[in-house]
C-alpha atoms as a PDB file:
ATOM      1  CA  MET A   1      23.275 -18.473  27.962  1.00  0.00           C
ATOM      2  CA  VAL A   2      21.380 -16.384  30.504  1.00  0.00           C
ATOM      3  CA  LYS A   3      22.538 -13.186  28.765  1.00  0.00           C
ATOM      4  CA  VAL A   4      21.379 -14.508  25.398  1.00  0.00           C
ATOM      5  CA  CYS A   5      17.933 -15.343  26.808  1.00  0.00           C
ATOM      6  CA  LYS A   6      17.633 -11.903  28.385  1.00  0.00           C
ATOM      7  CA  PHE A   7      18.571 -10.295  25.059  1.00  0.00           C
ATOM      8  CA  ILE A   8      15.935 -12.298  23.155  1.00  0.00           C
ATOM      9  CA  ILE A   9      13.248 -11.430  25.716  1.00  0.00           C
ATOM     10  CA  ALA A  10      14.204  -7.745  25.555  1.00  0.00           C
ATOM     11  CA  ILE A  11      13.888  -7.720  21.752  1.00  0.00           C
ATOM     12  CA  MET A  12      10.487  -9.393  21.988  1.00  0.00           C
ATOM     13  CA  LEU A  13       9.282  -6.833  24.536  1.00  0.00           C
ATOM     14  CA  ILE A  14      10.484  -3.966  22.345  1.00  0.00           C
ATOM     15  CA  GLY A  15       8.550  -5.408  19.414  1.00  0.00           C
ATOM     16  CA  CYS A  16       5.363  -5.767  21.450  1.00  0.00           C
ATOM     17  CA  SER A  17       5.710  -2.257  22.855  1.00  0.00           C
ATOM     18  CA  SER A  18       6.231  -0.832  19.375  1.00  0.00           C
ATOM     19  CA  ALA A  19       3.193  -2.638  17.997  1.00  0.00           C
ATOM     20  CA  GLU A  20       0.997  -1.443  20.872  1.00  0.00           C
ATOM     21  CA  GLU A  21       2.217   2.117  20.375  1.00  0.00           C
ATOM     22  CA  PHE A  22       1.069   2.122  16.744  1.00  0.00           C
ATOM     23  CA  LYS A  23      -2.120   0.163  17.402  1.00  0.00           C
ATOM     24  CA  GLY A  24      -3.284   2.445  20.184  1.00  0.00           C
ATOM     25  CA  ARG A  25      -3.194   5.624  18.142  1.00  0.00           C
ATOM     26  CA  ASP A  26      -6.248   7.831  18.259  1.00  0.00           C
ATOM     27  CA  SER A  27      -6.744   9.912  15.124  1.00  0.00           C
ATOM     28  CA  MET A  28      -9.248  12.111  16.968  1.00  0.00           C
ATOM     29  CA  GLY A  29      -6.473  13.392  19.208  1.00  0.00           C
ATOM     30  CA  GLY A  30      -4.901  15.488  16.446  1.00  0.00           C
ATOM     31  CA  LEU A  31      -1.511  13.774  16.533  1.00  0.00           C
ATOM     32  CA  TYR A  32      -2.522  11.167  13.957  1.00  0.00           C
ATOM     33  CA  PRO A  33      -4.969  12.944  11.639  1.00  0.00           C
ATOM     34  CA  HIS A  34      -4.592  10.753   8.554  1.00  0.00           C
ATOM     35  CA  LYS A  35      -6.401   7.452   8.113  1.00  0.00           C
ATOM     36  CA  VAL A  36      -4.871   5.075   5.571  1.00  0.00           C
ATOM     37  CA  TYR A  37      -6.291   1.677   4.635  1.00  0.00           C
ATOM     38  CA  ILE A  38      -4.429  -1.380   3.362  1.00  0.00           C
ATOM     39  CA  ILE A  39      -6.866  -3.589   1.467  1.00  0.00           C
ATOM     40  CA  ASN A  40      -6.542  -6.991  -0.169  1.00  0.00           C
ATOM     41  CA  GLN A  41      -8.935  -8.590  -2.645  1.00  0.00           C
ATOM     42  CA  GLY A  42      -7.074 -11.871  -3.149  1.00  0.00           C
ATOM     43  CA  TRP A  43      -4.624 -11.353  -5.999  1.00  0.00           C
ATOM     44  CA  HIS A  44      -4.006  -7.656  -5.432  1.00  0.00           C
ATOM     45  CA  THR A  45      -3.274  -5.429  -2.464  1.00  0.00           C
ATOM     46  CA  GLY A  46      -3.548  -1.658  -2.388  1.00  0.00           C
ATOM     47  CA  ILE A  47      -3.441   1.524  -0.330  1.00  0.00           C
ATOM     48  CA  VAL A  48      -6.505   3.747   0.085  1.00  0.00           C
ATOM     49  CA  LEU A  49      -5.948   7.460   0.715  1.00  0.00           C
ATOM     50  CA  LYS A  50      -8.315  10.398   1.183  1.00  0.00           C
ATOM     51  CA  VAL A  51      -7.679  12.710  -1.766  1.00  0.00           C
ATOM     52  CA  ASN A  52      -8.107  16.081  -0.042  1.00  0.00           C
ATOM     53  CA  GLU A  53      -5.512  15.151   2.584  1.00  0.00           C
ATOM     54  CA  VAL A  54      -2.726  14.651   0.024  1.00  0.00           C
ATOM     55  CA  ASN A  55      -0.451  17.664  -0.456  1.00  0.00           C
ATOM     56  CA  ILE A  56       0.252  18.258  -4.129  1.00  0.00           C
ATOM     57  CA  ALA A  57       3.858  19.072  -3.223  1.00  0.00           C
ATOM     58  CA  ASP A  58       4.286  15.535  -1.893  1.00  0.00           C
ATOM     59  CA  MET A  59       2.377  13.800  -4.698  1.00  0.00           C
ATOM     60  CA  PRO A  60       1.907  16.046  -7.753  1.00  0.00           C
ATOM     61  CA  GLU A  61      -0.002  13.228  -9.479  1.00  0.00           C
ATOM     62  CA  ILE A  62      -2.910  13.766  -7.073  1.00  0.00           C
ATOM     63  CA  ALA A  63      -3.953  16.830  -9.097  1.00  0.00           C
ATOM     64  CA  GLU A  64      -5.627  14.482 -11.603  1.00  0.00           C
ATOM     65  CA  PHE A  65      -7.939  13.165  -8.889  1.00  0.00           C
ATOM     66  CA  GLN A  66      -9.148  16.336  -7.197  1.00  0.00           C
ATOM     67  CA  GLY A  67     -12.910  16.182  -6.639  1.00  0.00           C
ATOM     68  CA  ASN A  68     -12.867  12.490  -5.727  1.00  0.00           C
ATOM     69  CA  GLU A  69     -13.206  11.270  -2.149  1.00  0.00           C
ATOM     70  CA  TYR A  70     -10.609   8.477  -2.101  1.00  0.00           C
ATOM     71  CA  ILE A  71      -8.148   6.717  -4.360  1.00  0.00           C
ATOM     72  CA  ASP A  72      -7.127   3.064  -4.180  1.00  0.00           C
ATOM     73  CA  ILE A  73      -3.519   2.661  -5.367  1.00  0.00           C
ATOM     74  CA  GLY A  74      -1.825  -0.633  -6.211  1.00  0.00           C
ATOM     75  CA  TRP A  75       1.390  -1.688  -7.951  1.00  0.00           C
ATOM     76  CA  GLY A  76       1.756  -4.744 -10.164  1.00  0.00           C
ATOM     77  CA  ASP A  77       2.804  -6.398 -13.409  1.00  0.00           C
ATOM     78  CA  GLU A  78       2.101  -4.085 -16.349  1.00  0.00           C
ATOM     79  CA  VAL A  79       0.314  -6.726 -18.443  1.00  0.00           C
ATOM     80  CA  TYR A  80      -1.359  -9.027 -15.924  1.00  0.00           C
ATOM     81  CA  TYR A  81      -2.653  -6.227 -13.682  1.00  0.00           C
ATOM     82  CA  ARG A  82      -4.579  -4.742 -16.596  1.00  0.00           C
ATOM     83  CA  ILE A  83      -6.367  -7.967 -17.572  1.00  0.00           C
ATOM     84  CA  PRO A  84      -9.818  -8.513 -16.000  1.00  0.00           C
ATOM     85  CA  GLY A  85     -10.172 -11.795 -14.113  1.00  0.00           C
ATOM     86  CA  PHE A  86      -7.441 -14.379 -13.739  1.00  0.00           C
ATOM     87  CA  ASP A  87      -5.134 -15.602 -16.526  1.00  0.00           C
ATOM     88  CA  VAL A  88      -2.868 -18.493 -15.486  1.00  0.00           C
ATOM     89  CA  ALA A  89      -0.304 -17.978 -18.249  1.00  0.00           C
ATOM     90  CA  LEU A  90       0.064 -14.257 -17.568  1.00  0.00           C
ATOM     91  CA  ALA A  91       0.212 -14.821 -13.813  1.00  0.00           C
ATOM     92  CA  LEU A  92       3.063 -17.317 -14.216  1.00  0.00           C
ATOM     93  CA  ARG A  93       4.854 -15.000 -16.616  1.00  0.00           C
ATOM     94  CA  ALA A  94       4.600 -12.149 -14.125  1.00  0.00           C
ATOM     95  CA  LEU A  95       5.909 -14.249 -11.239  1.00  0.00           C
ATOM     96  CA  LEU A  96       8.658 -16.253 -12.913  1.00  0.00           C
ATOM     97  CA  SER A  97      10.459 -13.557 -14.890  1.00  0.00           C
ATOM     98  CA  PRO A  98      11.054  -9.876 -14.091  1.00  0.00           C
ATOM     99  CA  THR A  99       8.525  -7.719 -15.946  1.00  0.00           C
ATOM    100  CA  SER A 100       7.741  -4.035 -16.263  1.00  0.00           C
ATOM    101  CA  SER A 101       5.295  -2.617 -13.747  1.00  0.00           C
ATOM    102  CA  THR A 102       2.285  -0.353 -13.494  1.00  0.00           C
ATOM    103  CA  LEU A 103       0.445   1.670 -10.880  1.00  0.00           C
ATOM    104  CA  LYS A 104      -3.312   1.214 -10.873  1.00  0.00           C
ATOM    105  CA  ILE A 105      -5.458   3.950  -9.375  1.00  0.00           C
ATOM    106  CA  ARG A 106      -9.190   3.556  -8.814  1.00  0.00           C
ATOM    107  CA  THR A 107     -11.252   6.577  -7.820  1.00  0.00           C
ATOM    108  CA  LEU A 108     -13.775   6.073  -5.015  1.00  0.00           C
ATOM    109  CA  ASN A 109     -16.796   8.236  -4.281  1.00  0.00           C
ATOM    110  CA  ILE A 110     -18.629   5.961  -1.884  1.00  0.00           C
ATOM    111  CA  PRO A 111     -18.161   5.546   1.880  1.00  0.00           C
ATOM    112  CA  VAL A 112     -14.835   3.822   2.359  1.00  0.00           C
ATOM    113  CA  GLU A 113     -16.539   1.332   4.700  1.00  0.00           C
ATOM    114  CA  THR A 114     -18.774   0.179   1.840  1.00  0.00           C
ATOM    115  CA  TYR A 115     -15.712  -0.349  -0.348  1.00  0.00           C
ATOM    116  CA  TYR A 116     -13.465  -2.282   2.006  1.00  0.00           C
ATOM    117  CA  GLU A 117     -16.216  -4.557   3.323  1.00  0.00           C
ATOM    118  CA  THR A 118     -16.087  -6.438   0.008  1.00  0.00           C
ATOM    119  CA  TYR A 119     -12.382  -7.240   0.421  1.00  0.00           C
ATOM    120  CA  ARG A 120     -10.599 -10.172   2.049  1.00  0.00           C
ATOM    121  CA  TYR A 121      -8.899  -7.958   4.554  1.00  0.00           C
ATOM    122  CA  CYS A 122      -8.632  -4.317   5.446  1.00  0.00           C
ATOM    123  CA  ILE A 123      -6.339  -2.724   8.023  1.00  0.00           C
ATOM    124  CA  GLU A 124      -6.707   0.864   9.172  1.00  0.00           C
ATOM    125  CA  TYR A 125      -3.689   2.982  10.149  1.00  0.00           C
ATOM    126  CA  ASN A 126      -3.548   6.390  11.796  1.00  0.00           C
ATOM    127  CA  LEU A 127      -0.600   8.473  10.582  1.00  0.00           C
ATOM    128  CA  THR A 128       1.065  11.681  11.679  1.00  0.00           C
ATOM    129  CA  ASP A 129       1.516  14.503   9.169  1.00  0.00           C
ATOM    130  CA  ASP A 130       5.162  13.533   8.698  1.00  0.00           C
ATOM    131  CA  GLU A 131       4.398   9.829   8.203  1.00  0.00           C
ATOM    132  CA  PHE A 132       1.648  10.641   5.707  1.00  0.00           C
ATOM    133  CA  LYS A 133       3.988  12.979   3.829  1.00  0.00           C
ATOM    134  CA  LYS A 134       6.615  10.232   3.548  1.00  0.00           C
ATOM    135  CA  LEU A 135       4.015   7.716   2.363  1.00  0.00           C
ATOM    136  CA  CYS A 136       2.749  10.081  -0.335  1.00  0.00           C
ATOM    137  CA  ARG A 137       6.274  10.816  -1.521  1.00  0.00           C
ATOM    138  CA  TYR A 138       7.029   7.102  -1.729  1.00  0.00           C
ATOM    139  CA  ILE A 139       3.956   6.578  -3.912  1.00  0.00           C
ATOM    140  CA  SER A 140       4.836   9.564  -6.092  1.00  0.00           C
ATOM    141  CA  ASN A 141       8.354   8.219  -6.606  1.00  0.00           C
ATOM    142  CA  THR A 142       6.858   4.961  -7.911  1.00  0.00           C
ATOM    143  CA  PHE A 143       5.421   6.776 -10.949  1.00  0.00           C
ATOM    144  CA  LEU A 144       7.767   6.544 -13.927  1.00  0.00           C
ATOM    145  CA  LYS A 145       8.205  10.136 -15.093  1.00  0.00           C
ATOM    146  CA  SER A 146       8.193  11.329 -18.693  1.00  0.00           C
ATOM    147  CA  VAL A 147      10.775  13.786 -20.085  1.00  0.00           C
ATOM    148  CA  ASP A 148       8.584  16.682 -18.939  1.00  0.00           C
ATOM    149  CA  GLY A 149       8.417  15.286 -15.397  1.00  0.00           C
ATOM    150  CA  GLY A 150       4.810  14.097 -15.506  1.00  0.00           C
ATOM    151  CA  PRO A 151       3.439  10.559 -15.102  1.00  0.00           C
ATOM    152  CA  VAL A 152       3.146   8.267 -18.140  1.00  0.00           C
ATOM    153  CA  VAL A 153      -0.485   7.245 -18.624  1.00  0.00           C
ATOM    154  CA  LEU A 154      -1.025   3.766 -20.047  1.00  0.00           C
ATOM    155  CA  GLU A 155      -4.795   3.688 -19.889  1.00  0.00           C
ATOM    156  CA  ASN A 156      -7.793   5.639 -18.614  1.00  0.00           C
ATOM    157  CA  ARG A 157     -10.981   3.650 -18.125  1.00  0.00           C
ATOM    158  CA  GLN A 158     -13.885   6.098 -18.023  1.00  0.00           C
ATOM    159  CA  ASN A 159     -12.128   8.367 -15.514  1.00  0.00           C
ATOM    160  CA  ILE A 160     -12.574   5.688 -12.843  1.00  0.00           C
ATOM    161  CA  VAL A 161      -9.573   3.391 -13.254  1.00  0.00           C
ATOM    162  CA  TYR A 162      -6.175   4.630 -14.415  1.00  0.00           C
ATOM    163  CA  PHE A 163      -2.955   2.782 -15.216  1.00  0.00           C
ATOM    164  CA  TYR A 164       0.457   4.448 -15.202  1.00  0.00           C
ATOM    165  CA  LYS A 165       3.964   3.290 -16.067  1.00  0.00           C
ATOM    166  CA  ALA A 166       5.774   2.530 -12.817  1.00  0.00           C
ATOM    167  CA  VAL A 167       9.289   2.205 -11.464  1.00  0.00           C
ATOM    168  CA  GLY A 168      10.655  -1.255 -10.640  1.00  0.00           C
ATOM    169  CA  GLU A 169      10.353  -4.773 -11.999  1.00  0.00           C
ATOM    170  CA  TYR A 170       7.647  -7.170 -10.872  1.00  0.00           C
ATOM    171  CA  HIS A 171       8.572 -10.779 -10.037  1.00  0.00           C
ATOM    172  CA  LEU A 172       8.020 -13.508  -7.474  1.00  0.00           C
ATOM    173  CA  PHE A 173      10.044 -11.726  -4.791  1.00  0.00           C
ATOM    174  CA  ASN A 174       8.839  -8.216  -5.596  1.00  0.00           C
ATOM    175  CA  THR A 175       5.040  -8.163  -5.667  1.00  0.00           C
ATOM    176  CA  CYS A 176       2.247  -5.738  -4.832  1.00  0.00           C
ATOM    177  CA  ASN A 177       2.517  -6.971  -1.249  1.00  0.00           C
ATOM    178  CA  THR A 178       6.239  -6.181  -1.137  1.00  0.00           C
ATOM    179  CA  TRP A 179       5.471  -2.705  -2.465  1.00  0.00           C
ATOM    180  CA  VAL A 180       2.891  -2.046   0.264  1.00  0.00           C
ATOM    181  CA  ALA A 181       5.279  -3.241   2.982  1.00  0.00           C
ATOM    182  CA  ASP A 182       7.971  -0.916   1.610  1.00  0.00           C
ATOM    183  CA  ALA A 183       5.469   1.952   1.617  1.00  0.00           C
ATOM    184  CA  LEU A 184       4.697   1.501   5.326  1.00  0.00           C
ATOM    185  CA  ASP A 185       8.382   1.094   6.098  1.00  0.00           C
ATOM    186  CA  GLU A 186       9.128   4.328   4.255  1.00  0.00           C
ATOM    187  CA  ALA A 187       6.412   6.068   6.295  1.00  0.00           C
ATOM    188  CA  GLY A 188       8.161   5.013   9.509  1.00  0.00           C
ATOM    189  CA  PHE A 189       6.428   1.815  10.546  1.00  0.00           C
ATOM    190  CA  PRO A 190       8.823  -0.904  11.787  1.00  0.00           C
ATOM    191  CA  VAL A 191       7.965  -3.455   9.121  1.00  0.00           C
ATOM    192  CA  GLY A 192      10.181  -5.339   6.701  1.00  0.00           C
ATOM    193  CA  SER A 193       9.530  -6.491   3.152  1.00  0.00           C
ATOM    194  CA  SER A 194      12.282  -9.075   2.629  1.00  0.00           C
ATOM    195  CA  MET A 195       9.992 -11.975   3.564  1.00  0.00           C
ATOM    196  CA  VAL A 196       6.791 -10.478   2.138  1.00  0.00           C
ATOM    197  CA  VAL A 197       5.587 -12.111  -1.082  1.00  0.00           C
ATOM    198  CA  SER A 198       1.959 -13.132  -0.572  1.00  0.00           C
ATOM    199  CA  ALA A 199      -1.017 -11.285   0.887  1.00  0.00           C
ATOM    200  CA  SER A 200      -0.872 -13.497   3.965  1.00  0.00           C
ATOM    201  CA  ASN A 201       2.839 -12.676   4.415  1.00  0.00           C
ATOM    202  CA  LEU A 202       1.936  -9.009   4.305  1.00  0.00           C
ATOM    203  CA  PHE A 203      -0.902  -9.392   6.808  1.00  0.00           C
ATOM    204  CA  ASP A 204       1.378 -11.181   9.262  1.00  0.00           C
ATOM    205  CA  GLU A 205       3.998  -8.455   8.898  1.00  0.00           C
ATOM    206  CA  ILE A 206       1.813  -5.352   9.187  1.00  0.00           C
ATOM    207  CA  SER A 207      -1.414  -6.226  11.014  1.00  0.00           C
ATOM    208  CA  ASP A 208       0.012  -5.629  14.504  1.00  0.00           C
ATOM    209  CA  PHE A 209       0.563  -1.952  13.702  1.00  0.00           C
ATOM    210  CA  GLY A 210      -2.997  -1.100  12.723  1.00  0.00           C
ATOM    211  CA  LYS A 211      -6.636  -1.936  13.375  1.00  0.00           C
ATOM    212  CA  VAL A 212      -7.968  -4.942  11.471  1.00  0.00           C
ATOM    213  CA  LEU A 213     -11.405  -3.982  10.155  1.00  0.00           C
ATOM    214  CA  VAL A 214     -12.026  -6.948   7.840  1.00  0.00           C
ATOM    215  CA  TYR A 215     -10.455 -10.404   7.789  1.00  0.00           C
ATOM    216  CA  LYS A 216     -11.992 -13.189   5.684  1.00  0.00           C
ATOM    217  CA  TYR A 217      -9.104 -15.644   5.234  1.00  0.00           C
END
């Protein structure tokens, strides 16, 4: 029994140490030069990246967005995600049966602080070059590719909001929040997505590894 208790305490200490290691990163030191933001607006969660930091070799799709400051990327149900506002019937359809998915990209040319202050929560992460590369490759691999290898555009709204065909099926246990958790895991953060469904699940899973800038829940 004593050995079991010691093992549990050791695991807890490892977790705390790991969280503090990620939380205490200083992007000004040069080791963690990339700032990434996870933002939630209620029904949708996304990842905000600085466009000129993305290597086209890691995410060829970024070529479409050169000249913009930031992009906000989210993954969701192909039909519901493209409908303005909230539609109960479509929301239930998206959750209760596996559906095709889309990537939504919004271009941002305002200070990122102005953008995320309107959201329910925003968490800032400082990434190494290698972690950022892995994150970008994960996002790129979520684009469903056409026969010529390029992304499949579903819709372009005035060169501000874009929708693309995406890989994977959306359902109750595979949501935008699951996708974000998988993205951070792929980048090297010790987070899991198996219990992440809602935005609050995601916050509980990932907030210890970054700096919480906004929290309005």
